[in-house]
Amino acid sequence: MRFDPASQDVGNIVFFEHVNLTVPDQGAATDFYVDGLGFTRDPYLMVGTRNMWVNCGRQQFHLPRGEPQRFRGVMGLVVPDLDALENRLRRVSERLDGTRFSWRRRRAHVEVTCPWGNRFRVHAAGEGHGGPLGIPYVEMPIAKGAAAGVARFYRSVMGAPARVEGARVCVNAGPGQSLVFREGKGHDAEYDGHHLAIYVADFSGPYHALAERGLVTREDNPHQFRFVDIVAPGGRKVLFSIEHEVRSLHHPLYRRPLVNRTGEERLS
């Protein structure tokens, strides 16, 4: 194996923590994310009926109650075993009948659609994505010709290594984690406000770079701000929109230990 020191660089984004999607039915969300996918509802935070946080390894899904949001693209997941995953999905299929829930086994992964149309690509642990649980990547569609500009944005504004591979951009979002953008269909789907959360080592640098361009949309607290639009440096055209919840390493939830279980733990 060739020694490649640059392959070990993390960059300024040190951790991609969660994806936030509103859901209209917490019961169906439990059936899908907990009973079906095999993840764990966080027992300490957001334990009421207005929001639920679901732990999957070191990452989470935040699922507040509301009109269903749909992630534009596909979310990558890692589970311990794909055969066990399929068994769980079969068990919940009757409860989710009449929704958009479905799954299909491929050669090296399982394609899963949630009750509200969000798409997941589920890999087995040890297949190159780490694990045994987690969200190693999210993949989003961008317009033809936008890849180079998206890469420049993350490199110069966010301080994150980003490589262009043909029509695909891979942004380092922490060890073993990536934000992936791929030129192709679906880029013009309407954005409905879902978001993802990242932690950065240099908090003030991206903030000032974004504020100078008028791209900061909210300052939540001393540890956190948000932006939505990805705009190439020197340009004005919005290349993609998704809210980034940007957190400093002083954020009280940074690296909070998460409770996880194996999805096969059952009494019967």
C-alpha atoms as a PDB file:
ATOM      1  CA  MET A   1       0.000   0.000   0.000  1.00  0.00           C
ATOM      2  CA  ARG A   2       1.410   3.373  -1.030  1.00  0.00           C
ATOM      3  CA  PHE A   3       2.051   5.775   1.831  1.00  0.00           C
ATOM      4  CA  ASP A   4      -0.242   8.780   1.314  1.00  0.00           C
ATOM      5  CA  PRO A   5      -0.077  11.265   4.212  1.00  0.00           C
ATOM      6  CA  ALA A   6      -2.720  13.525   2.643  1.00  0.00           C
ATOM      7  CA  SER A   7      -5.251  10.703   2.935  1.00  0.00           C
ATOM      8  CA  GLN A   8      -5.092  11.129   6.716  1.00  0.00           C
ATOM      9  CA  ASP A   9      -5.881  14.865   6.719  1.00  0.00           C
ATOM     10  CA  VAL A  10      -9.186  15.701   8.369  1.00  0.00           C
ATOM     11  CA  GLY A  11      -9.470  19.432   7.757  1.00  0.00           C
ATOM     12  CA  ASN A  12     -11.653  21.879   9.618  1.00  0.00           C
ATOM     13  CA  ILE A  13     -14.854  19.818   9.740  1.00  0.00           C
ATOM     14  CA  VAL A  14     -14.027  17.301  12.436  1.00  0.00           C
ATOM     15  CA  PHE A  15     -17.388  15.599  12.946  1.00  0.00           C
ATOM     16  CA  PHE A  16     -20.688  15.199  11.086  1.00  0.00           C
ATOM     17  CA  GLU A  17     -23.215  14.537  13.829  1.00  0.00           C
ATOM     18  CA  HIS A  18     -26.825  14.417  12.692  1.00  0.00           C
ATOM     19  CA  VAL A  19     -29.461  14.784  10.019  1.00  0.00           C
ATOM     20  CA  ASN A  20     -32.677  16.596  11.012  1.00  0.00           C
ATOM     21  CA  LEU A  21     -35.941  15.609   9.299  1.00  0.00           C
ATOM     22  CA  THR A  22     -39.442  16.449  10.491  1.00  0.00           C
ATOM     23  CA  VAL A  23     -41.887  13.521  10.663  1.00  0.00           C
ATOM     24  CA  PRO A  24     -45.665  13.569  11.170  1.00  0.00           C
ATOM     25  CA  ASP A  25     -45.958  10.336  13.164  1.00  0.00           C
ATOM     26  CA  GLN A  26     -43.625   9.394  15.981  1.00  0.00           C
ATOM     27  CA  GLY A  27     -45.046   5.876  16.145  1.00  0.00           C
ATOM     28  CA  ALA A  28     -44.233   5.154  12.510  1.00  0.00           C
ATOM     29  CA  ALA A  29     -40.822   6.769  12.990  1.00  0.00           C
ATOM     30  CA  THR A  30     -40.154   4.388  15.892  1.00  0.00           C
ATOM     31  CA  ASP A  31     -41.265   1.417  13.812  1.00  0.00           C
ATOM     32  CA  PHE A  32     -38.913   2.422  11.010  1.00  0.00           C
ATOM     33  CA  TYR A  33     -35.768   3.838  12.672  1.00  0.00           C
ATOM     34  CA  VAL A  34     -35.753   1.746  15.862  1.00  0.00           C
ATOM     35  CA  ASP A  35     -37.537  -1.541  15.137  1.00  0.00           C
ATOM     36  CA  GLY A  36     -36.704  -1.632  11.421  1.00  0.00           C
ATOM     37  CA  LEU A  37     -33.243  -0.168  11.003  1.00  0.00           C
ATOM     38  CA  GLY A  38     -32.230  -1.336  14.483  1.00  0.00           C
ATOM     39  CA  PHE A  39     -31.110   1.987  15.959  1.00  0.00           C
ATOM     40  CA  THR A  40     -31.807   3.320  19.474  1.00  0.00           C
ATOM     41  CA  ARG A  41     -33.962   6.156  20.725  1.00  0.00           C
ATOM     42  CA  ASP A  42     -31.831   8.487  22.844  1.00  0.00           C
ATOM     43  CA  PRO A  43     -32.992   7.953  26.460  1.00  0.00           C
ATOM     44  CA  TYR A  44     -31.714  11.296  27.783  1.00  0.00           C
ATOM     45  CA  LEU A  45     -32.718  14.097  25.403  1.00  0.00           C
ATOM     46  CA  MET A  46     -35.910  14.791  23.430  1.00  0.00           C
ATOM     47  CA  VAL A  47     -37.849  11.949  25.041  1.00  0.00           C
ATOM     48  CA  GLY A  48     -41.330  13.484  24.706  1.00  0.00           C
ATOM     49  CA  THR A  49     -43.798  13.371  21.829  1.00  0.00           C
ATOM     50  CA  ARG A  50     -42.760  16.585  20.055  1.00  0.00           C
ATOM     51  CA  ASN A  51     -39.313  15.377  18.999  1.00  0.00           C
ATOM     52  CA  MET A  52     -37.240  12.205  19.070  1.00  0.00           C
ATOM     53  CA  TRP A  53     -33.517  11.709  18.683  1.00  0.00           C
ATOM     54  CA  VAL A  54     -32.378   8.358  17.347  1.00  0.00           C
ATOM     55  CA  ASN A  55     -28.801   7.183  17.980  1.00  0.00           C
ATOM     56  CA  CYS A  56     -26.885   5.244  15.361  1.00  0.00           C
ATOM     57  CA  GLY A  57     -23.328   4.764  16.509  1.00  0.00           C
ATOM     58  CA  ARG A  58     -21.766   8.198  17.020  1.00  0.00           C
ATOM     59  CA  GLN A  59     -24.365   9.938  14.850  1.00  0.00           C
ATOM     60  CA  GLN A  60     -28.066  10.687  15.194  1.00  0.00           C
ATOM     61  CA  PHE A  61     -31.286  11.392  13.373  1.00  0.00           C
ATOM     62  CA  HIS A  62     -33.273  14.276  14.848  1.00  0.00           C
ATOM     63  CA  LEU A  63     -36.965  13.788  14.088  1.00  0.00           C
ATOM     64  CA  PRO A  64     -39.149  16.649  15.336  1.00  0.00           C
ATOM     65  CA  ARG A  65     -42.873  16.440  14.685  1.00  0.00           C
ATOM     66  CA  GLY A  66     -44.137  18.263  11.610  1.00  0.00           C
ATOM     67  CA  GLU A  67     -44.929  17.942   7.949  1.00  0.00           C
ATOM     68  CA  PRO A  68     -42.692  15.249   6.426  1.00  0.00           C
ATOM     69  CA  GLN A  69     -39.387  16.487   5.042  1.00  0.00           C
ATOM     70  CA  ARG A  70     -37.525  14.630   2.309  1.00  0.00           C
ATOM     71  CA  PHE A  71     -33.759  14.617   2.027  1.00  0.00           C
ATOM     72  CA  ARG A  72     -32.700  15.348  -1.539  1.00  0.00           C
ATOM     73  CA  GLY A  73     -30.439  12.436  -2.275  1.00  0.00           C
ATOM     74  CA  VAL A  74     -29.555   9.361  -0.276  1.00  0.00           C
ATOM     75  CA  MET A  75     -28.185   8.792   3.233  1.00  0.00           C
ATOM     76  CA  GLY A  76     -25.569   6.130   3.828  1.00  0.00           C
ATOM     77  CA  LEU A  77     -25.910   3.870   6.868  1.00  0.00           C
ATOM     78  CA  VAL A  78     -23.840   1.096   8.432  1.00  0.00           C
ATOM     79  CA  VAL A  79     -25.440  -1.768  10.358  1.00  0.00           C
ATOM     80  CA  PRO A  80     -23.816  -4.920  11.769  1.00  0.00           C
ATOM     81  CA  ASP A  81     -25.484  -7.384   9.372  1.00  0.00           C
ATOM     82  CA  LEU A  82     -27.668  -7.029   6.270  1.00  0.00           C
ATOM     83  CA  ASP A  83     -29.498 -10.342   6.716  1.00  0.00           C
ATOM     84  CA  ALA A  84     -30.570  -9.285  10.198  1.00  0.00           C
ATOM     85  CA  LEU A  85     -31.616  -5.914   8.785  1.00  0.00           C
ATOM     86  CA  GLU A  86     -33.878  -7.587   6.246  1.00  0.00           C
ATOM     87  CA  ASN A  87     -35.466  -9.693   8.985  1.00  0.00           C
ATOM     88  CA  ARG A  88     -36.264  -6.545  10.971  1.00  0.00           C
ATOM     89  CA  LEU A  89     -37.683  -4.781   7.916  1.00  0.00           C
ATOM     90  CA  ARG A  90     -39.971  -7.757   7.252  1.00  0.00           C
ATOM     91  CA  ARG A  91     -41.236  -7.612  10.840  1.00  0.00           C
ATOM     92  CA  VAL A  92     -42.256  -3.948  10.561  1.00  0.00           C
ATOM     93  CA  SER A  93     -43.620  -4.095   7.018  1.00  0.00           C
ATOM     94  CA  GLU A  94     -47.215  -4.764   8.065  1.00  0.00           C
ATOM     95  CA  ARG A  95     -47.188  -1.837  10.508  1.00  0.00           C
ATOM     96  CA  LEU A  96     -45.907   0.473   7.748  1.00  0.00           C
ATOM     97  CA  ASP A  97     -48.278  -0.797   5.083  1.00  0.00           C
ATOM     98  CA  GLY A  98     -49.848   2.065   3.122  1.00  0.00           C
ATOM     99  CA  THR A  99     -46.782   4.318   3.458  1.00  0.00           C
ATOM    100  CA  ARG A 100     -43.842   4.763   1.094  1.00  0.00           C
ATOM    101  CA  PHE A 101     -41.789   2.220   3.066  1.00  0.00           C
ATOM    102  CA  SER A 102     -39.906  -0.308   0.918  1.00  0.00           C
ATOM    103  CA  TRP A 103     -36.565  -2.058   0.632  1.00  0.00           C
ATOM    104  CA  ARG A 104     -34.546  -3.966  -1.933  1.00  0.00           C
ATOM    105  CA  ARG A 105     -31.425  -6.070  -1.486  1.00  0.00           C
ATOM    106  CA  ARG A 106     -28.572  -5.297  -3.833  1.00  0.00           C
ATOM    107  CA  ARG A 107     -25.294  -7.181  -4.157  1.00  0.00           C
ATOM    108  CA  ALA A 108     -23.401  -5.153  -1.554  1.00  0.00           C
ATOM    109  CA  HIS A 109     -26.071  -3.086   0.217  1.00  0.00           C
ATOM    110  CA  VAL A 110     -29.773  -2.712   0.919  1.00  0.00           C
ATOM    111  CA  GLU A 111     -31.771   0.184  -0.510  1.00  0.00           C
ATOM    112  CA  VAL A 112     -34.417   1.335   1.976  1.00  0.00           C
ATOM    113  CA  THR A 113     -37.122   3.994   1.714  1.00  0.00           C
ATOM    114  CA  CYS A 114     -38.723   5.395   4.868  1.00  0.00           C
ATOM    115  CA  PRO A 115     -42.498   5.842   5.302  1.00  0.00           C
ATOM    116  CA  TRP A 116     -42.224   9.414   3.960  1.00  0.00           C
ATOM    117  CA  GLY A 117     -39.943   8.800   1.001  1.00  0.00           C
ATOM    118  CA  ASN A 118     -36.447   9.384   2.387  1.00  0.00           C
ATOM    119  CA  ARG A 119     -33.897   7.072   0.800  1.00  0.00           C
ATOM    120  CA  PHE A 120     -31.112   5.153   2.536  1.00  0.00           C
ATOM    121  CA  ARG A 121     -28.266   2.981   1.283  1.00  0.00           C
ATOM    122  CA  VAL A 122     -27.414   0.516   4.042  1.00  0.00           C
ATOM    123  CA  HIS A 123     -23.997  -1.182   4.173  1.00  0.00           C
ATOM    124  CA  ALA A 124     -22.763  -4.000   6.358  1.00  0.00           C
ATOM    125  CA  ALA A 125     -20.030  -3.280   8.896  1.00  0.00           C
ATOM    126  CA  GLY A 126     -16.558  -3.978   7.575  1.00  0.00           C
ATOM    127  CA  GLU A 127     -17.452  -3.139   3.966  1.00  0.00           C
ATOM    128  CA  GLY A 128     -15.265  -0.036   3.785  1.00  0.00           C
ATOM    129  CA  HIS A 129     -17.492   2.359   5.740  1.00  0.00           C
ATOM    130  CA  GLY A 130     -16.442   1.631   9.308  1.00  0.00           C
ATOM    131  CA  GLY A 131     -19.079   0.705  11.820  1.00  0.00           C
ATOM    132  CA  PRO A 132     -20.697  -1.302  13.224  1.00  0.00           C
ATOM    133  CA  LEU A 133     -23.266   1.547  13.341  1.00  0.00           C
ATOM    134  CA  GLY A 134     -23.317   5.007  11.877  1.00  0.00           C
ATOM    135  CA  ILE A 135     -23.972   7.509   9.102  1.00  0.00           C
ATOM    136  CA  PRO A 136     -20.698   7.550   7.123  1.00  0.00           C
ATOM    137  CA  TYR A 137     -21.993   9.798   4.337  1.00  0.00           C
ATOM    138  CA  VAL A 138     -24.883  11.687   2.823  1.00  0.00           C
ATOM    139  CA  GLU A 139     -25.061  12.069  -0.958  1.00  0.00           C
ATOM    140  CA  MET A 140     -26.830  15.042  -2.558  1.00  0.00           C
ATOM    141  CA  PRO A 141     -27.639  15.857  -6.208  1.00  0.00           C
ATOM    142  CA  ILE A 142     -26.193  18.984  -7.857  1.00  0.00           C
ATOM    143  CA  ALA A 143     -26.560  20.469 -11.325  1.00  0.00           C
ATOM    144  CA  LYS A 144     -24.250  19.568 -14.173  1.00  0.00           C
ATOM    145  CA  GLY A 145     -21.065  21.620 -13.999  1.00  0.00           C
ATOM    146  CA  ALA A 146     -21.446  22.501 -10.292  1.00  0.00           C
ATOM    147  CA  ALA A 147     -18.902  20.047  -8.855  1.00  0.00           C
ATOM    148  CA  ALA A 148     -15.825  22.279  -9.092  1.00  0.00           C
ATOM    149  CA  GLY A 149     -17.617  25.221  -7.464  1.00  0.00           C
ATOM    150  CA  VAL A 150     -18.940  23.102  -4.595  1.00  0.00           C
ATOM    151  CA  ALA A 151     -15.420  21.805  -3.949  1.00  0.00           C
ATOM    152  CA  ARG A 152     -13.994  25.344  -3.948  1.00  0.00           C
ATOM    153  CA  PHE A 153     -16.635  26.444  -1.445  1.00  0.00           C
ATOM    154  CA  TYR A 154     -15.798  23.749   1.081  1.00  0.00           C
ATOM    155  CA  ARG A 155     -12.057  24.151   0.646  1.00  0.00           C
ATOM    156  CA  SER A 156     -11.871  27.945   0.893  1.00  0.00           C
ATOM    157  CA  VAL A 157     -14.844  28.797   3.122  1.00  0.00           C
ATOM    158  CA  MET A 158     -15.169  25.758   5.391  1.00  0.00           C
ATOM    159  CA  GLY A 159     -11.513  24.662   5.353  1.00  0.00           C
ATOM    160  CA  ALA A 160     -12.451  21.084   4.488  1.00  0.00           C
ATOM    161  CA  PRO A 161     -10.544  18.863   2.033  1.00  0.00           C
ATOM    162  CA  ALA A 162     -12.759  18.290  -1.015  1.00  0.00           C
ATOM    163  CA  ARG A 163     -11.825  16.227  -4.041  1.00  0.00           C
ATOM    164  CA  VAL A 164     -13.539  16.202  -7.409  1.00  0.00           C
ATOM    165  CA  GLU A 165     -13.882  12.807  -9.058  1.00  0.00           C
ATOM    166  CA  GLY A 166     -15.511  13.459 -12.426  1.00  0.00           C
ATOM    167  CA  ALA A 167     -19.087  14.528 -11.675  1.00  0.00           C
ATOM    168  CA  ARG A 168     -18.736  13.765  -7.955  1.00  0.00           C
ATOM    169  CA  VAL A 169     -17.429  15.845  -5.037  1.00  0.00           C
ATOM    170  CA  CYS A 170     -16.364  14.190  -1.781  1.00  0.00           C
ATOM    171  CA  VAL A 171     -15.955  16.562   1.189  1.00  0.00           C
ATOM    172  CA  ASN A 172     -14.189  15.328   4.319  1.00  0.00           C
ATOM    173  CA  ALA A 173     -16.629  15.761   7.224  1.00  0.00           C
ATOM    174  CA  GLY A 174     -14.577  13.982   9.900  1.00  0.00           C
ATOM    175  CA  PRO A 175     -12.674  10.694  10.119  1.00  0.00           C
ATOM    176  CA  GLY A 176     -14.517   8.200   7.944  1.00  0.00           C
ATOM    177  CA  GLN A 177     -17.308  10.681   7.154  1.00  0.00           C
ATOM    178  CA  SER A 178     -18.130  12.512   3.928  1.00  0.00           C
ATOM    179  CA  LEU A 179     -20.556  14.983   2.413  1.00  0.00           C
ATOM    180  CA  VAL A 180     -20.932  13.779  -1.164  1.00  0.00           C
ATOM    181  CA  PHE A 181     -22.352  15.818  -4.040  1.00  0.00           C
ATOM    182  CA  ARG A 182     -23.076  14.201  -7.381  1.00  0.00           C
ATOM    183  CA  GLU A 183     -24.067  15.915 -10.612  1.00  0.00           C
ATOM    184  CA  GLY A 184     -27.316  14.426 -11.878  1.00  0.00           C
ATOM    185  CA  LYS A 185     -31.070  14.371 -11.738  1.00  0.00           C
ATOM    186  CA  GLY A 186     -32.917  15.527  -8.668  1.00  0.00           C
ATOM    187  CA  HIS A 187     -30.869  18.692  -8.109  1.00  0.00           C
ATOM    188  CA  ASP A 188     -33.883  20.900  -8.903  1.00  0.00           C
ATOM    189  CA  ALA A 189     -36.177  19.297  -6.301  1.00  0.00           C
ATOM    190  CA  GLU A 190     -37.627  21.851  -3.925  1.00  0.00           C
ATOM    191  CA  TYR A 191     -35.700  22.297  -0.681  1.00  0.00           C
ATOM    192  CA  ASP A 192     -37.984  21.892   2.353  1.00  0.00           C
ATOM    193  CA  GLY A 193     -35.753  22.975   5.256  1.00  0.00           C
ATOM    194  CA  HIS A 194     -34.135  19.739   6.482  1.00  0.00           C
ATOM    195  CA  HIS A 195     -30.630  20.176   7.869  1.00  0.00           C
ATOM    196  CA  LEU A 196     -27.391  18.499   8.869  1.00  0.00           C
ATOM    197  CA  ALA A 197     -25.066  19.327  11.766  1.00  0.00           C
ATOM    198  CA  ILE A 198     -21.280  19.571  11.694  1.00  0.00           C
ATOM    199  CA  TYR A 199     -18.596  20.498  14.220  1.00  0.00           C
ATOM    200  CA  VAL A 200     -15.637  22.645  13.164  1.00  0.00           C
ATOM    201  CA  ALA A 201     -12.285  23.356  14.817  1.00  0.00           C
ATOM    202  CA  ASP A 202     -12.010  26.861  13.341  1.00  0.00           C
ATOM    203  CA  PHE A 203     -15.406  28.348  14.162  1.00  0.00           C
ATOM    204  CA  SER A 204     -14.765  32.040  13.519  1.00  0.00           C
ATOM    205  CA  GLY A 205     -13.066  31.650  10.120  1.00  0.00           C
ATOM    206  CA  PRO A 206     -16.054  30.123   8.277  1.00  0.00           C
ATOM    207  CA  TYR A 207     -18.433  32.409  10.160  1.00  0.00           C
ATOM    208  CA  HIS A 208     -16.690  35.578   8.963  1.00  0.00           C
ATOM    209  CA  ALA A 209     -16.247  34.232   5.413  1.00  0.00           C
ATOM    210  CA  LEU A 210     -19.967  33.442   5.220  1.00  0.00           C
ATOM    211  CA  ALA A 211     -21.081  36.647   6.961  1.00  0.00           C
ATOM    212  CA  GLU A 212     -19.098  38.774   4.494  1.00  0.00           C
ATOM    213  CA  ARG A 213     -21.150  37.161   1.707  1.00  0.00           C
ATOM    214  CA  GLY A 214     -24.440  37.562   3.568  1.00  0.00           C
ATOM    215  CA  LEU A 215     -24.822  33.787   3.863  1.00  0.00           C
ATOM    216  CA  VAL A 216     -25.193  33.374   7.646  1.00  0.00           C
ATOM    217  CA  THR A 217     -28.895  32.773   8.235  1.00  0.00           C
ATOM    218  CA  ARG A 218     -29.012  32.455  12.032  1.00  0.00           C
ATOM    219  CA  GLU A 219     -26.874  32.768  15.136  1.00  0.00           C
ATOM    220  CA  ASP A 220     -28.399  30.323  17.618  1.00  0.00           C
ATOM    221  CA  ASN A 221     -26.058  30.737  20.580  1.00  0.00           C
ATOM    222  CA  PRO A 222     -22.345  31.384  21.222  1.00  0.00           C
ATOM    223  CA  HIS A 223     -21.518  27.862  20.020  1.00  0.00           C
ATOM    224  CA  GLN A 224     -23.660  27.587  16.890  1.00  0.00           C
ATOM    225  CA  PHE A 225     -24.680  29.354  13.683  1.00  0.00           C
ATOM    226  CA  ARG A 226     -26.391  28.285  10.465  1.00  0.00           C
ATOM    227  CA  PHE A 227     -26.137  28.804   6.733  1.00  0.00           C
ATOM    228  CA  VAL A 228     -28.096  27.351   3.824  1.00  0.00           C
ATOM    229  CA  ASP A 229     -26.662  28.287   0.437  1.00  0.00           C
ATOM    230  CA  ILE A 230     -23.469  26.904  -1.098  1.00  0.00           C
ATOM    231  CA  VAL A 231     -21.959  29.557  -3.365  1.00  0.00           C
ATOM    232  CA  ALA A 232     -18.593  29.220  -5.104  1.00  0.00           C
ATOM    233  CA  PRO A 233     -16.034  31.845  -3.995  1.00  0.00           C
ATOM    234  CA  GLY A 234     -16.091  34.763  -6.399  1.00  0.00           C
ATOM    235  CA  GLY A 235     -19.516  33.791  -7.723  1.00  0.00           C
ATOM    236  CA  ARG A 236     -23.134  34.535  -6.903  1.00  0.00           C
ATOM    237  CA  LYS A 237     -24.959  31.488  -8.216  1.00  0.00           C
ATOM    238  CA  VAL A 238     -26.343  29.172  -5.546  1.00  0.00           C
ATOM    239  CA  LEU A 239     -25.005  25.697  -6.316  1.00  0.00           C
ATOM    240  CA  PHE A 240     -27.001  23.830  -3.694  1.00  0.00           C
ATOM    241  CA  SER A 241     -29.084  24.637  -0.629  1.00  0.00           C
ATOM    242  CA  ILE A 242     -29.146  22.663   2.590  1.00  0.00           C
ATOM    243  CA  GLU A 243     -29.021  24.122   6.059  1.00  0.00           C
ATOM    244  CA  HIS A 244     -25.734  23.478   7.862  1.00  0.00           C
ATOM    245  CA  GLU A 245     -25.940  23.697  11.636  1.00  0.00           C
ATOM    246  CA  VAL A 246     -22.328  24.649  12.364  1.00  0.00           C
ATOM    247  CA  ARG A 247     -21.106  24.008  15.907  1.00  0.00           C
ATOM    248  CA  SER A 248     -17.874  24.822  17.694  1.00  0.00           C
ATOM    249  CA  LEU A 249     -15.926  22.263  19.706  1.00  0.00           C
ATOM    250  CA  HIS A 250     -17.075  24.139  22.827  1.00  0.00           C
ATOM    251  CA  HIS A 251     -20.669  23.107  22.109  1.00  0.00           C
ATOM    252  CA  PRO A 252     -22.028  21.219  25.152  1.00  0.00           C
ATOM    253  CA  LEU A 253     -23.156  18.288  22.973  1.00  0.00           C
ATOM    254  CA  TYR A 254     -19.833  17.741  21.218  1.00  0.00           C
ATOM    255  CA  ARG A 255     -18.859  14.059  21.470  1.00  0.00           C
ATOM    256  CA  ARG A 256     -21.576  13.343  24.029  1.00  0.00           C
ATOM    257  CA  PRO A 257     -21.552   9.566  24.634  1.00  0.00           C
ATOM    258  CA  LEU A 258     -24.577   7.980  22.958  1.00  0.00           C
ATOM    259  CA  VAL A 259     -26.483   4.912  24.125  1.00  0.00           C
ATOM    260  CA  ASN A 260     -26.704   2.216  21.441  1.00  0.00           C
ATOM    261  CA  ARG A 261     -28.021  -1.316  21.308  1.00  0.00           C
ATOM    262  CA  THR A 262     -27.876  -4.071  18.732  1.00  0.00           C
ATOM    263  CA  GLY A 263     -31.056  -4.252  16.713  1.00  0.00           C
ATOM    264  CA  GLU A 264     -31.452  -7.963  17.418  1.00  0.00           C
ATOM    265  CA  GLU A 265     -31.868  -7.670  21.184  1.00  0.00           C
ATOM    266  CA  ARG A 266     -35.364  -9.113  21.756  1.00  0.00           C
ATOM    267  CA  LEU A 267     -37.209 -11.036  24.461  1.00  0.00           C
ATOM    268  CA  SER A 268     -38.871 -13.326  21.945  1.00  0.00           C
END
